[in-house]
N, C-alpha and C. Protein backbone atom coordinates (compact mmCIF):
# COMPACT_ATOMS: atom_id res chain seq x y z
N MET A 1 -5.39 -5.00 30.24
CA MET A 1 -6.72 -4.95 29.24
C MET A 1 -6.64 -3.55 28.62
N THR A 2 -6.89 -3.50 27.32
CA THR A 2 -6.93 -2.28 26.46
C THR A 2 -8.15 -1.85 26.33
N THR A 3 -8.38 -0.41 26.38
CA THR A 3 -9.64 0.21 26.10
C THR A 3 -9.84 0.27 24.40
N PRO A 4 -10.97 0.59 24.15
CA PRO A 4 -11.32 0.77 22.79
C PRO A 4 -10.49 1.89 22.19
N ILE A 5 -10.32 3.06 23.05
CA ILE A 5 -9.55 4.21 22.50
C ILE A 5 -8.15 3.65 22.27
N LEU A 6 -7.48 3.07 23.12
CA LEU A 6 -6.08 2.56 23.00
C LEU A 6 -5.92 1.57 21.92
N ARG A 7 -6.87 0.71 21.67
CA ARG A 7 -6.86 -0.24 20.65
C ARG A 7 -6.84 0.55 19.26
N PHE A 8 -7.76 1.55 19.22
CA PHE A 8 -7.74 2.26 17.98
C PHE A 8 -6.56 3.06 17.66
N SER A 9 -5.94 3.60 18.72
CA SER A 9 -4.67 4.40 18.58
C SER A 9 -3.54 3.44 18.15
N LEU A 10 -3.45 2.16 18.58
CA LEU A 10 -2.33 1.23 18.22
C LEU A 10 -2.58 0.96 16.78
N LEU A 11 -3.87 0.70 16.30
CA LEU A 11 -4.16 0.41 14.93
C LEU A 11 -3.72 1.62 14.10
N GLY A 12 -4.06 2.62 14.44
CA GLY A 12 -3.67 3.98 13.69
C GLY A 12 -2.33 4.15 13.54
N ALA A 13 -1.46 3.92 14.62
CA ALA A 13 0.06 3.98 14.57
C ALA A 13 0.48 2.99 13.51
N MET A 14 0.19 1.75 13.61
CA MET A 14 0.38 0.81 12.57
C MET A 14 0.00 1.08 11.20
N ALA A 15 -1.04 1.71 10.98
CA ALA A 15 -1.50 2.09 9.65
C ALA A 15 -0.58 3.19 9.08
N ILE A 16 -0.23 4.16 9.85
CA ILE A 16 0.54 5.33 9.37
C ILE A 16 1.98 4.80 8.91
N SER A 17 2.47 3.86 9.77
CA SER A 17 3.80 3.42 9.38
C SER A 17 3.74 2.83 7.95
N LEU A 18 2.66 2.09 7.69
CA LEU A 18 2.53 1.41 6.26
C LEU A 18 2.38 2.51 5.30
N VAL A 19 1.70 3.62 5.38
CA VAL A 19 1.49 4.81 4.45
C VAL A 19 2.73 5.46 4.24
N TYR A 20 3.69 5.59 5.23
CA TYR A 20 4.89 6.29 5.03
C TYR A 20 6.13 5.42 4.77
N ALA A 21 5.90 4.13 4.37
CA ALA A 21 6.84 3.24 4.21
C ALA A 21 7.66 3.75 3.06
N GLN A 22 9.00 3.56 3.08
CA GLN A 22 9.92 3.76 1.99
C GLN A 22 9.84 2.58 0.98
N SER A 23 10.19 3.02 -0.21
CA SER A 23 10.18 2.21 -1.36
C SER A 23 11.48 2.39 -2.15
N ASP A 24 12.04 1.26 -2.75
CA ASP A 24 13.38 1.37 -3.63
C ASP A 24 13.06 1.35 -4.98
N SER A 25 11.67 1.50 -5.31
CA SER A 25 11.36 1.62 -6.77
C SER A 25 10.89 2.98 -7.21
N GLY A 26 11.05 3.24 -8.39
CA GLY A 26 10.45 4.46 -8.99
C GLY A 26 9.61 4.40 -10.22
N ARG A 27 9.39 5.49 -10.97
CA ARG A 27 8.67 5.42 -12.00
C ARG A 27 9.13 6.51 -12.92
N ILE A 28 8.98 6.21 -14.30
CA ILE A 28 9.10 7.30 -15.37
C ILE A 28 7.96 7.48 -16.00
N THR A 29 7.54 8.86 -16.22
CA THR A 29 6.40 9.11 -17.05
C THR A 29 6.73 10.36 -17.96
N GLY A 30 5.98 10.49 -19.07
CA GLY A 30 6.40 11.51 -20.05
C GLY A 30 5.42 11.56 -21.10
N THR A 31 5.64 12.49 -22.10
CA THR A 31 4.79 12.63 -23.19
C THR A 31 5.72 12.48 -24.33
N VAL A 32 5.35 11.56 -25.30
CA VAL A 32 5.98 11.53 -26.57
C VAL A 32 5.58 12.58 -27.56
N THR A 33 6.59 13.25 -28.08
CA THR A 33 6.30 14.32 -29.16
C THR A 33 7.43 14.00 -30.39
N ASP A 34 7.01 14.46 -31.48
CA ASP A 34 7.88 14.52 -32.63
C ASP A 34 8.77 15.74 -32.70
N SER A 35 9.64 15.89 -33.83
CA SER A 35 10.51 17.04 -33.98
C SER A 35 9.66 18.36 -34.04
N THR A 36 8.35 18.33 -34.26
CA THR A 36 7.52 19.55 -34.36
C THR A 36 6.83 19.87 -32.99
N ASN A 37 7.18 19.11 -32.01
CA ASN A 37 6.61 19.10 -30.66
C ASN A 37 5.11 18.56 -30.75
N SER A 38 4.68 18.05 -31.60
CA SER A 38 3.32 17.61 -31.75
C SER A 38 3.29 16.26 -30.99
N VAL A 39 2.22 16.02 -30.22
CA VAL A 39 2.06 14.78 -29.45
C VAL A 39 1.98 13.53 -30.47
N VAL A 40 2.54 12.42 -30.06
CA VAL A 40 2.41 11.28 -30.84
C VAL A 40 1.61 10.12 -30.04
N ALA A 41 0.43 9.85 -30.50
CA ALA A 41 -0.36 8.95 -29.77
C ALA A 41 0.04 7.53 -30.03
N HIS A 42 -0.11 6.64 -29.21
CA HIS A 42 0.11 5.38 -29.19
C HIS A 42 1.47 4.78 -29.66
N ALA A 43 2.48 5.75 -29.32
CA ALA A 43 3.82 5.37 -29.59
C ALA A 43 4.40 4.36 -28.68
N GLY A 44 5.02 3.36 -29.10
CA GLY A 44 5.84 2.44 -28.22
C GLY A 44 7.01 3.02 -27.68
N VAL A 45 7.11 2.84 -26.28
CA VAL A 45 8.23 3.35 -25.53
C VAL A 45 9.04 2.22 -24.86
N THR A 46 10.27 2.32 -24.87
CA THR A 46 11.16 1.39 -24.35
C THR A 46 12.04 2.05 -23.40
N VAL A 47 12.14 1.49 -22.11
CA VAL A 47 13.02 2.00 -21.16
C VAL A 47 13.88 1.14 -20.83
N THR A 48 15.22 1.36 -20.94
CA THR A 48 16.27 0.38 -20.78
C THR A 48 17.24 0.83 -19.61
N ASN A 49 17.47 -0.06 -18.73
CA ASN A 49 18.31 0.14 -17.55
C ASN A 49 19.79 0.10 -18.09
N GLU A 50 20.50 1.15 -17.93
CA GLU A 50 21.96 1.18 -18.58
C GLU A 50 22.85 0.24 -17.83
N LYS A 51 22.70 -0.04 -16.63
CA LYS A 51 23.60 -0.98 -15.86
C LYS A 51 23.35 -2.42 -16.34
N THR A 52 22.07 -2.83 -16.49
CA THR A 52 21.85 -4.20 -16.52
C THR A 52 21.35 -4.53 -18.00
N GLY A 53 20.86 -3.61 -18.73
CA GLY A 53 20.34 -3.77 -20.01
C GLY A 53 18.93 -4.25 -20.18
N GLN A 54 18.38 -4.49 -18.90
CA GLN A 54 16.95 -4.78 -18.85
C GLN A 54 16.06 -3.78 -19.45
N THR A 55 15.05 -4.19 -20.26
CA THR A 55 14.06 -3.28 -20.84
C THR A 55 12.76 -3.52 -20.36
N ARG A 56 11.98 -2.35 -20.28
CA ARG A 56 10.38 -2.33 -19.91
C ARG A 56 9.83 -1.58 -21.08
N LYS A 57 8.69 -1.99 -21.54
CA LYS A 57 8.00 -1.55 -22.58
C LYS A 57 6.56 -0.98 -22.12
N ALA A 58 6.31 0.02 -22.83
CA ALA A 58 4.86 0.73 -22.59
C ALA A 58 4.39 1.35 -23.85
N VAL A 59 3.17 1.56 -23.84
CA VAL A 59 2.46 2.34 -24.94
C VAL A 59 1.85 3.56 -24.54
N ALA A 60 2.23 4.61 -25.25
CA ALA A 60 1.60 5.88 -24.90
C ALA A 60 0.10 5.84 -25.19
N ASN A 61 -0.72 6.88 -24.45
CA ASN A 61 -2.16 6.76 -24.65
C ASN A 61 -2.47 7.76 -25.80
N ASP A 62 -3.74 8.16 -25.85
CA ASP A 62 -4.11 9.10 -26.90
C ASP A 62 -3.58 10.35 -26.82
N GLU A 63 -3.08 10.76 -25.68
CA GLU A 63 -2.41 12.09 -25.38
C GLU A 63 -0.86 12.06 -25.43
N GLY A 64 -0.35 10.84 -25.74
CA GLY A 64 0.97 10.67 -25.96
C GLY A 64 1.67 10.49 -24.65
N ILE A 65 0.98 10.14 -23.52
CA ILE A 65 1.50 10.13 -22.18
C ILE A 65 1.82 8.46 -21.97
N TYR A 66 2.89 8.41 -21.35
CA TYR A 66 3.23 6.97 -21.04
C TYR A 66 3.78 6.93 -19.52
N LEU A 67 3.65 5.71 -18.93
CA LEU A 67 4.02 5.46 -17.38
C LEU A 67 4.74 4.12 -17.40
N VAL A 68 5.90 4.14 -16.83
CA VAL A 68 6.65 2.84 -16.54
C VAL A 68 6.82 2.81 -15.06
N THR A 69 6.39 1.75 -14.28
CA THR A 69 6.60 1.81 -12.93
C THR A 69 7.45 0.63 -12.46
N GLN A 70 7.77 0.69 -11.15
CA GLN A 70 8.55 -0.42 -10.46
C GLN A 70 9.96 -0.62 -11.07
N LEU A 71 10.52 0.57 -11.28
CA LEU A 71 11.90 0.63 -11.72
C LEU A 71 12.81 0.79 -10.65
N GLY A 72 13.98 0.03 -10.60
CA GLY A 72 14.89 0.12 -9.57
C GLY A 72 15.86 1.38 -9.72
N PRO A 73 16.55 1.71 -8.71
CA PRO A 73 17.48 2.80 -8.90
C PRO A 73 18.66 2.57 -9.83
N SER A 74 18.72 3.52 -10.92
CA SER A 74 19.66 3.34 -12.11
C SER A 74 19.55 4.55 -12.96
N THR A 75 20.33 4.45 -13.90
CA THR A 75 20.04 5.43 -15.11
C THR A 75 19.47 4.72 -16.10
N TYR A 76 18.48 5.38 -16.81
CA TYR A 76 17.54 4.76 -17.84
C TYR A 76 17.71 5.65 -19.23
N THR A 77 17.60 4.83 -20.25
CA THR A 77 17.54 5.42 -21.51
C THR A 77 16.04 5.09 -22.06
N ILE A 78 15.55 6.31 -22.58
CA ILE A 78 14.09 6.05 -22.96
C ILE A 78 14.06 6.18 -24.52
N THR A 79 13.45 5.41 -25.23
CA THR A 79 13.26 5.44 -26.66
C THR A 79 11.84 5.34 -27.03
N ALA A 80 11.49 6.13 -27.97
CA ALA A 80 10.13 5.99 -28.54
C ALA A 80 9.97 5.86 -30.06
N GLU A 81 9.06 4.83 -30.42
CA GLU A 81 9.04 4.62 -31.86
C GLU A 81 7.50 4.58 -32.15
N ALA A 82 7.19 5.20 -33.45
CA ALA A 82 6.02 5.16 -34.02
C ALA A 82 5.95 4.95 -35.41
N ALA A 83 5.10 4.01 -35.93
CA ALA A 83 4.94 3.79 -37.38
C ALA A 83 6.35 3.49 -38.02
N GLY A 84 7.26 2.68 -37.17
CA GLY A 84 8.57 2.47 -37.73
C GLY A 84 9.58 3.45 -37.72
N ARG A 85 9.26 4.59 -37.13
CA ARG A 85 10.30 5.57 -37.19
C ARG A 85 10.78 5.86 -35.60
N ARG A 86 11.94 6.01 -35.34
CA ARG A 86 12.49 6.38 -34.05
C ARG A 86 12.10 7.91 -33.82
N LEU A 87 11.64 8.34 -32.61
CA LEU A 87 11.15 9.72 -32.41
C LEU A 87 12.35 10.37 -31.68
N ARG A 88 12.40 10.05 -30.40
CA ARG A 88 13.46 10.79 -29.56
C ARG A 88 14.13 9.70 -28.58
N SER A 89 15.17 9.95 -28.06
CA SER A 89 15.86 9.22 -27.09
C SER A 89 16.29 10.18 -25.75
N SER A 90 15.89 9.83 -24.78
CA SER A 90 16.26 10.55 -23.54
C SER A 90 16.93 9.76 -22.46
N ARG A 91 17.68 10.30 -21.77
CA ARG A 91 18.47 9.71 -20.61
C ARG A 91 17.90 10.16 -19.23
N GLU A 92 17.32 9.42 -18.47
CA GLU A 92 16.85 9.76 -17.17
C GLU A 92 17.78 9.12 -15.93
């Protein structure tokens, strides 16, 4: 028979293992800027996995910040476009 303290300790140990679980996915975040280093709001961002060619798209917010999550381990090319013009390309 377990006591309430032991039961709480076991639940706590299980919860800690969930908190510290490892993940094989990552994220890329950044700020879209133009050639004058001005922030570009609402730019379209495309993240391309160089190994598979798979793409993920995001839109930058009012401050030009974008976030792409759930990315597998690989090398990625990041391209941003706004108003039909290509801004910058980066490799992560």
